[in-house]
Protein backbone atom coordinates (compact mmCIF):
# COMPACT_ATOMS: atom_id res chain seq x y z
CA MET A 1 84.32 231.07 170.66
CA ALA A 2 85.33 233.13 167.44
CA GLY A 3 87.81 230.40 166.54
CA ILE A 4 85.12 227.69 166.52
CA THR A 5 82.67 229.87 164.46
CA ASP A 6 85.42 230.46 161.90
CA PHE A 7 86.21 226.80 161.82
CA PHE A 8 82.57 225.77 160.89
CA GLN A 9 82.32 228.59 158.46
CA GLU A 10 85.40 227.32 156.65
CA ILE A 11 83.93 223.80 156.53
CA ILE A 12 80.57 225.24 154.99
CA GLN A 13 82.62 227.25 152.41
CA ASP A 14 84.53 224.07 151.42
CA LEU A 15 81.28 222.20 151.06
CA HIS A 16 79.67 225.00 149.02
CA THR A 17 82.74 225.03 146.62
CA SER A 18 82.68 221.20 146.33
CA LEU A 19 79.02 221.19 145.43
CA TYR A 20 79.53 224.02 142.85
CA LEU A 21 82.41 222.08 141.15
CA ALA A 22 80.27 218.93 141.16
CA ILE A 23 77.67 220.57 138.93
CA GLY A 24 80.14 221.86 136.42
CA GLY A 25 81.32 225.11 137.94
CA SER A 26 84.99 226.44 137.79
CA LEU A 27 87.11 228.11 140.47
CA GLU A 28 88.31 230.64 137.86
CA GLU A 29 84.81 232.28 137.50
CA ASP A 30 84.42 235.60 139.24
CA SER A 31 80.86 234.85 140.35
CA ARG A 32 79.23 231.56 140.86
CA ASP A 33 76.15 231.13 138.53
CA TRP A 34 74.31 228.52 140.21
CA GLN A 35 71.28 228.68 137.99
CA THR A 36 73.22 228.13 134.75
CA HIS A 37 75.11 225.14 136.11
CA ALA A 38 72.00 223.68 137.72
CA VAL A 39 70.25 223.97 134.18
CA GLU A 40 73.17 222.14 132.65
CA LEU A 41 73.10 219.52 135.34
CA THR A 42 69.39 218.88 134.84
CA SER A 43 69.76 218.75 131.08
CA THR A 44 72.65 216.14 131.45
CA GLY A 45 70.53 214.16 133.81
CA ILE A 46 67.59 214.10 131.40
CA LYS A 47 69.88 213.05 128.48
CA ILE A 48 71.18 210.21 130.68
CA VAL A 49 67.64 209.07 131.52
CA ILE A 50 66.50 209.23 127.96
CA LEU A 51 69.54 207.16 126.80
CA LEU A 52 69.08 204.62 129.56
CA ALA A 53 65.32 204.39 128.73
CA VAL A 54 66.13 203.80 125.05
CA LEU A 55 68.86 201.17 125.82
CA GLY A 56 66.37 199.50 128.40
CA PHE A 57 63.69 199.29 125.67
CA VAL A 58 66.08 197.85 123.09
CA TYR A 59 67.17 195.26 125.77
CA TRP A 60 63.68 194.29 126.63
CA LEU A 61 62.67 194.04 122.99
CA ALA A 62 65.71 191.82 122.21
CA ASN A 63 64.72 189.60 125.08
CA TYR A 64 61.20 189.43 123.99
CA VAL A 65 62.09 188.45 120.47
CA LEU A 66 64.42 185.74 121.77
CA LYS A 67 61.92 184.42 124.26
CA HIS A 68 59.21 183.87 121.54
CA ASN A 69 61.44 182.84 118.65
CA HIS A 70 64.21 180.60 120.27
CA ARG A 71 62.77 177.60 118.69
CA ARG A 72 62.68 179.19 115.26
CA LEU A 73 66.34 180.24 115.86
CA HIS A 74 67.10 176.63 116.81
CA PHE A 75 68.32 177.65 120.23
CA ASN A 76 68.06 175.10 123.01
CA GLU A 77 67.81 176.10 126.65
CA ARG A 78 71.56 176.36 127.03
CA ARG A 79 72.13 178.50 123.97
CA ALA A 80 69.18 180.65 124.96
CA LYS A 81 70.63 181.14 128.43
CA ILE A 82 73.96 182.15 126.95
CA ALA A 83 72.15 184.60 124.48
CA ARG A 84 70.25 186.23 127.41
CA SER A 85 73.40 186.75 129.34
CA PHE A 86 75.14 188.31 126.30
CA LEU A 87 72.30 190.75 125.78
CA ARG A 88 72.42 191.63 129.49
CA TYR A 89 76.16 192.29 129.31
CA VAL A 90 75.75 194.38 126.17
CA TRP A 91 72.99 196.45 127.85
CA ILE A 92 75.15 197.05 130.97
CA VAL A 93 78.28 198.07 128.98
CA ALA A 94 76.24 200.27 126.69
CA SER A 95 74.55 202.04 129.63
CA LEU A 96 77.81 202.56 131.38
CA ILE A 97 79.35 204.10 128.23
CA ALA A 98 76.37 206.21 127.63
CA VAL A 99 76.55 207.68 131.16
CA MET A 100 80.26 208.28 130.81
CA SER A 101 79.82 210.19 127.55
CA GLN A 102 77.47 212.71 129.29
CA ILE A 103 79.39 213.50 132.31
CA ASN A 104 82.55 215.06 130.58
CA ILE A 105 84.83 212.03 131.06
CA GLU A 106 87.95 211.98 128.81
CA PRO A 107 87.25 210.31 125.42
CA THR A 108 90.40 208.13 125.87
CA THR A 109 88.96 206.72 129.07
CA ILE A 110 85.70 205.97 127.33
CA LYS A 111 87.51 204.39 124.50
CA ALA A 112 89.64 202.23 126.94
CA THR A 113 86.53 201.30 128.80
CA ALA A 114 84.79 200.16 125.54
CA LYS A 115 87.82 198.06 124.53
CA ALA A 116 88.17 196.56 128.05
CA SER A 117 84.43 195.62 128.06
CA ILE A 118 84.76 193.93 124.60
CA TRP A 119 87.84 191.91 125.81
CA ALA A 120 85.96 191.06 129.10
CA GLY A 121 82.93 189.86 127.12
CA ILE A 122 85.13 187.69 124.87
CA TYR A 123 86.88 185.96 127.80
CA TYR A 124 83.57 185.55 129.67
CA VAL A 125 82.12 183.67 126.70
CA LEU A 126 85.30 181.52 126.46
CA TRP A 127 85.02 180.88 130.36
CA THR A 128 81.37 179.80 130.23
CA SER A 129 81.65 177.68 127.15
CA SER A 130 85.08 176.01 127.98
CA GLY A 131 83.59 173.42 130.17
CA HIS A 132 81.08 172.34 127.58
CA ILE A 133 83.79 172.19 124.79
CA ILE A 134 86.16 170.22 127.01
CA HIS A 135 83.32 167.80 127.91
CA ARG A 136 82.52 167.24 124.29
CA VAL A 137 86.11 166.66 123.19
CA LEU A 138 86.89 164.18 126.15
CA GLN A 139 83.65 162.43 125.62
CA HIS A 140 84.61 161.85 122.01
CA TYR A 141 87.96 160.43 122.98
CA GLY A 142 86.59 158.42 125.99
CA LEU A 143 88.76 160.10 128.70
CA SER A 144 87.75 160.05 132.30
CA ALA A 145 85.89 162.60 134.27
CA SER A 146 88.97 163.23 136.43
CA ILE A 147 91.07 164.47 133.46
CA GLU A 148 88.05 166.56 132.43
CA GLN A 149 88.00 168.17 135.77
CA LEU A 150 91.71 168.88 135.63
CA LEU A 151 91.59 170.51 132.34
CA LYS A 152 88.57 172.57 133.32
CA ASN A 153 90.39 173.91 136.35
CA ILE A 154 93.59 174.65 134.42
CA LEU A 155 91.76 176.27 131.48
CA SER A 156 89.42 178.41 133.86
CA VAL A 157 92.55 179.82 135.66
CA LEU A 158 94.27 180.44 132.41
CA ILE A 159 91.27 182.24 130.94
CA LEU A 160 90.86 184.39 133.99
CA VAL A 161 94.51 185.50 134.06
CA LEU A 162 94.62 186.29 130.35
CA GLY A 163 91.28 188.13 130.58
CA LEU A 164 92.53 190.17 133.63
CA ALA A 165 95.69 191.00 131.70
CA SER A 166 93.85 192.03 128.56
CA VAL A 167 91.46 194.30 130.57
CA MET A 168 94.21 195.99 132.48
CA ALA A 169 96.26 196.51 129.30
CA GLN A 170 93.51 198.74 127.88
CA PHE A 171 94.04 201.19 130.66
CA GLY A 172 97.79 201.48 130.07
CA PHE A 173 99.14 199.03 132.69
CA ASP A 174 102.49 197.37 131.80
CA ILE A 175 101.55 193.67 131.74
CA VAL A 176 105.25 192.45 131.45
CA SER A 177 106.24 194.26 134.55
CA LEU A 178 103.01 193.06 136.36
CA VAL A 179 103.65 189.49 135.46
CA ALA A 180 107.30 189.75 136.55
CA GLY A 181 106.11 191.21 139.88
CA LEU A 182 103.48 188.50 140.23
CA GLY A 183 106.21 185.87 139.73
CA ILE A 184 108.26 187.28 142.62
CA VAL A 185 105.19 187.41 144.76
CA GLY A 186 104.35 183.87 143.66
CA LEU A 187 107.76 182.55 144.85
CA ALA A 188 107.26 184.26 148.31
CA VAL A 189 103.67 182.94 148.53
CA GLY A 190 104.98 179.39 147.45
CA PHE A 191 107.48 179.33 150.35
CA ALA A 192 104.78 180.55 152.82
CA ALA A 193 102.14 178.11 151.62
CA GLN A 194 104.13 174.90 151.15
CA SER A 195 101.29 172.64 152.40
CA THR A 196 98.90 174.12 149.85
CA LEU A 197 101.50 173.83 147.09
CA ALA A 198 101.98 170.15 148.10
CA ASN A 199 98.19 169.54 147.97
CA PHE A 200 98.07 171.23 144.53
CA ILE A 201 100.89 168.88 143.10
CA ALA A 202 99.28 165.90 144.78
CA GLY A 203 95.92 166.78 143.15
CA ILE A 204 97.47 166.84 139.67
CA THR A 205 99.15 163.63 140.30
CA ILE A 206 95.90 161.94 141.48
CA LEU A 207 94.10 163.20 138.36
CA LEU A 208 96.74 162.08 136.07
CA GLU A 209 97.24 158.64 137.46
CA GLN A 210 93.62 157.90 137.61
CA SER A 211 94.00 155.36 140.40
CA PHE A 212 90.38 156.35 141.40
CA GLN A 213 87.83 158.63 139.74
CA VAL A 214 84.67 160.63 140.57
CA GLY A 215 82.00 158.09 141.27
CA ASP A 216 84.31 155.30 142.63
CA TRP A 217 83.86 153.86 146.13
CA ILE A 218 87.10 154.06 147.98
CA SER A 219 88.51 153.45 151.40
CA ILE A 220 91.09 155.81 152.88
CA SER A 221 92.43 154.95 156.29
CA ASP A 222 89.23 154.69 158.41
CA ARG A 223 87.19 156.55 155.94
CA GLU A 224 85.01 154.91 153.26
CA GLY A 225 82.68 156.53 150.75
CA ARG A 226 81.99 157.56 147.23
CA VAL A 227 84.28 160.21 145.52
CA VAL A 228 82.19 163.17 144.57
CA LEU A 229 84.87 165.63 143.75
CA ILE A 230 88.67 165.72 143.03
CA SER A 231 89.83 169.27 143.12
CA LEU A 232 93.34 170.58 142.85
CA ARG A 233 93.63 170.94 146.60
CA THR A 234 91.29 168.39 148.24
CA THR A 235 89.33 165.14 147.60
CA HIS A 236 85.70 164.99 148.71
CA ILE A 237 83.98 161.60 149.56
CA LEU A 238 80.41 160.99 150.61
CA THR A 239 80.02 158.36 153.29
CA ARG A 240 77.00 156.05 153.87
CA ASP A 241 75.81 158.53 156.52
CA ASN A 242 75.48 161.16 153.80
CA ILE A 243 78.49 163.08 155.33
CA THR A 244 81.09 164.69 153.00
CA VAL A 245 84.62 164.13 154.21
CA ILE A 246 87.16 166.62 152.78
CA ILE A 247 90.69 165.11 152.67
CA PRO A 248 93.73 167.16 151.64
CA ASN A 249 95.32 165.60 148.43
CA SER A 250 98.73 165.24 150.09
CA ASN A 251 97.20 162.91 152.66
CA VAL A 252 95.48 160.94 149.87
CA ALA A 253 98.71 160.62 147.98
CA SER A 254 100.51 159.40 151.04
CA SER A 255 98.07 156.99 152.32
CA GLU A 256 96.86 153.48 151.16
CA VAL A 257 93.73 153.91 148.93
CA ILE A 258 91.48 150.91 148.37
CA ASN A 259 89.28 151.21 145.29
CA LEU A 260 86.33 148.87 145.77
CA THR A 261 84.75 149.67 142.54
CA ALA A 262 87.67 149.55 140.05
CA LYS A 263 86.44 146.36 138.38
CA ASN A 264 83.00 145.16 137.02
CA PHE A 265 82.19 143.18 140.21
CA VAL A 266 83.65 142.85 143.76
CA ARG A 267 83.57 139.96 146.25
CA PHE A 268 82.57 140.10 149.99
CA ASP A 269 82.18 137.40 152.58
CA ILE A 270 80.53 136.62 155.77
CA ARG A 271 80.92 133.87 158.42
CA VAL A 272 78.11 131.64 159.56
CA ARG A 273 78.37 128.99 162.38
CA ILE A 274 76.34 125.77 162.83
CA ALA A 275 76.39 123.17 165.61
CA PHE A 276 78.73 120.01 165.50
CA GLU A 277 75.71 117.69 165.05
CA ALA A 278 74.16 119.82 162.32
CA ASP A 279 74.12 118.37 158.66
CA VAL A 280 76.78 120.31 156.76
CA ASP A 281 75.28 119.76 153.29
CA ALA A 282 71.75 120.85 154.45
CA ALA A 283 73.34 124.06 155.89
CA ARG A 284 75.21 124.71 152.70
CA GLU A 285 72.00 124.35 150.67
CA VAL A 286 70.24 126.80 152.90
CA ILE A 287 73.01 129.31 152.60
CA LEU A 288 73.36 129.04 148.71
CA ASN A 289 69.55 129.26 148.26
CA THR A 290 69.53 132.43 150.38
CA LEU A 291 72.25 133.91 148.28
CA LYS A 292 70.30 132.95 145.08
CA ASP A 293 67.24 134.74 146.36
CA THR A 294 69.06 137.97 147.20
CA GLU A 295 68.82 140.52 144.31
CA ALA A 296 72.01 142.33 144.99
CA VAL A 297 74.13 139.00 144.83
CA LEU A 298 75.28 138.04 141.27
CA SER A 299 74.68 134.43 139.75
CA ARG A 300 77.96 134.77 137.94
CA PRO A 301 80.63 134.45 139.34
CA GLU A 302 79.07 131.73 141.46
CA SER A 303 78.74 132.08 145.29
CA SER A 304 80.26 129.57 147.54
CA ALA A 305 79.88 128.18 151.14
CA THR A 306 82.74 126.13 152.47
CA ILE A 307 83.86 125.11 155.93
CA ALA A 308 86.58 127.59 157.08
CA GLU A 309 87.11 126.29 160.59
CA ILE A 310 85.95 123.71 163.15
CA GLY A 311 86.15 125.76 166.31
CA GLU A 312 85.36 125.16 169.93
CA TYR A 313 81.71 126.12 169.62
CA GLY A 314 80.76 124.81 166.21
CA VAL A 315 81.63 124.55 162.54
CA TYR A 316 82.26 127.83 160.73
CA PHE A 317 81.26 128.44 157.13
CA ILE A 318 82.82 131.12 155.03
CA VAL A 319 80.32 132.49 152.55
CA ARG A 320 81.73 134.24 149.53
CA PHE A 321 79.53 136.22 147.10
CA TRP A 322 79.76 138.85 144.35
CA VAL A 323 78.04 142.10 143.68
CA LYS A 324 78.08 144.93 141.26
CA PRO A 325 79.94 148.15 142.08
CA ALA A 326 76.62 150.00 142.45
CA SER A 327 75.77 147.73 145.46
CA VAL A 328 78.99 148.44 147.36
CA ALA A 329 77.35 151.52 149.15
CA ARG A 330 74.48 149.25 150.55
CA MET A 331 76.86 146.42 151.65
CA PRO A 332 76.05 146.75 155.36
CA ILE A 333 72.39 146.35 154.66
CA ILE A 334 72.98 143.54 152.28
CA LYS A 335 75.00 141.57 154.84
CA GLU A 336 72.49 142.21 157.58
CA GLY A 337 69.71 140.90 155.29
CA LEU A 338 71.72 137.77 154.56
CA TYR A 339 72.30 137.00 158.23
CA GLU A 340 68.63 137.39 158.88
CA ASN A 341 67.55 135.33 155.99
CA ILE A 342 70.04 132.48 156.65
CA LYS A 343 69.00 132.33 160.36
CA SER A 344 65.33 131.96 159.23
CA GLY A 345 66.34 129.29 156.83
CA PHE A 346 68.31 127.44 159.52
CA ASP A 347 65.25 127.65 161.78
CA THR A 348 62.94 126.28 159.08
CA ALA A 349 65.39 123.44 158.30
CA GLY A 350 65.97 122.58 161.97
CA ILE A 351 69.77 123.46 161.91
CA SER A 352 70.85 124.74 165.35
CA ILE A 353 73.23 127.60 165.86
CA PRO A 354 75.27 126.95 169.11
CA TYR A 355 76.47 129.63 171.52
CA PRO A 356 79.65 129.38 173.51
CA HIS A 357 79.35 127.76 176.97
CA MET A 358 81.54 126.55 179.75
CA ARG A 359 80.66 123.70 182.15
CA LEU A 360 82.31 123.49 185.61
CA LEU A 361 82.01 120.20 187.57
CA MET A 362 82.99 120.14 191.20
CA PRO A 363 83.41 117.03 193.26
CA LYS A 364 80.87 116.52 196.02
CA ASP A 365 83.18 114.95 198.58
CA VAL A 366 85.27 118.12 199.07
CA ASP A 367 84.98 119.97 202.36
CA TYR A 368 83.85 123.41 201.11
CA PRO A 369 83.66 126.55 203.37
CA ILE A 370 80.50 126.99 205.25
CA HIS A 371 79.08 129.66 202.80
CA THR A 372 79.40 127.10 199.92
CA LYS A 373 77.92 124.08 201.86
CA PRO A 374 74.44 124.15 199.81
CA PHE A 375 76.55 123.66 196.65
CA ALA A 376 78.62 120.58 198.06
CA THR A 377 77.10 118.39 195.42
CA THR A 378 78.06 118.33 191.69
CA MET A 379 77.15 121.65 190.23
CA GLU A 380 77.10 123.04 186.57
CA VAL A 381 77.91 126.72 185.65
CA VAL A 382 76.90 127.63 182.17
CA LYS A 383 78.14 130.87 180.57
CA LYS A 384 76.00 131.93 177.66
CA ASP A 385 76.79 134.47 174.92
CA ALA A 386 74.44 136.04 172.60
CA PRO A 387 73.43 133.77 169.68
CA GLN A 388 75.53 134.26 166.56
């Protein structure tokens, strides 16, 4: 029992000593003057509160001036947002240094923190403005959005690495040794993540070749949709069902990709069937008038409706028409509307649409089994399909 009591007393004594050291006391003192150190701690706390209040007031005042004078300063919304972010960052850094200066932290550490904060702020401004700068430059030279995205990704990674190295250098880290160590680690990671590395290289290849770009409508294997993002690892396409399909770049690079919107217009076709006895010229006129009345179908190049086949159940037209790239996403709806309008036009013009059928004639003088006697006369079996 005495051992347990001594154990807890030792814990309480350690807590007592730790608390005394936390408020500025020293183990070398003969007696522990709690009152003196408590006064010093309170004084330090009051100083910190006053400094933070002053810095907070300055930050609020600067924001107030910026908010009510951004037009006079010729600041648009983007520049005003950057200025507010800069003021917030300065306020946080100044508050941190003010607190550090009051709690007996080494001046060298405070100095290193201030330098690291300045470097971090510079690289943060570069990181936030790099995208806008690249966009302006590439827009001037007329380069594609895919190249813009590649440069943004590379520049962002480069700025982050340089910024981290600059900040760590202020605290005495050996950047050369660190980079060498990261290189060795990078080789190990590269061998362990070969698929990721393959996707990365394929992504760069896709962006440089520009076989398709963001906004194009493409078909990859059994997937079809609009390209919404080409990253360094994956390609994102948005289908007609508003579903985002994420495909690894290595699969994209090794697959057959059909770009439906690479040119100014694209051709589609449908098949229409009429009866043998129907007037071909009248049917063609109905089809072409339907195409002419369809808003999505272009008048130039001209549409066509020609006979593609004379089949078992009728005459088949192949109807070819051209649309703008923006209409490709609505192609199923456009085709369905054409079928419906052509059917209505055929009905109005009295042009029949046949259905497949089969006629079976059986001679009446054959001696059939008893269960088929009622059908001993000539009979006809007609097999009907759904109208086309």
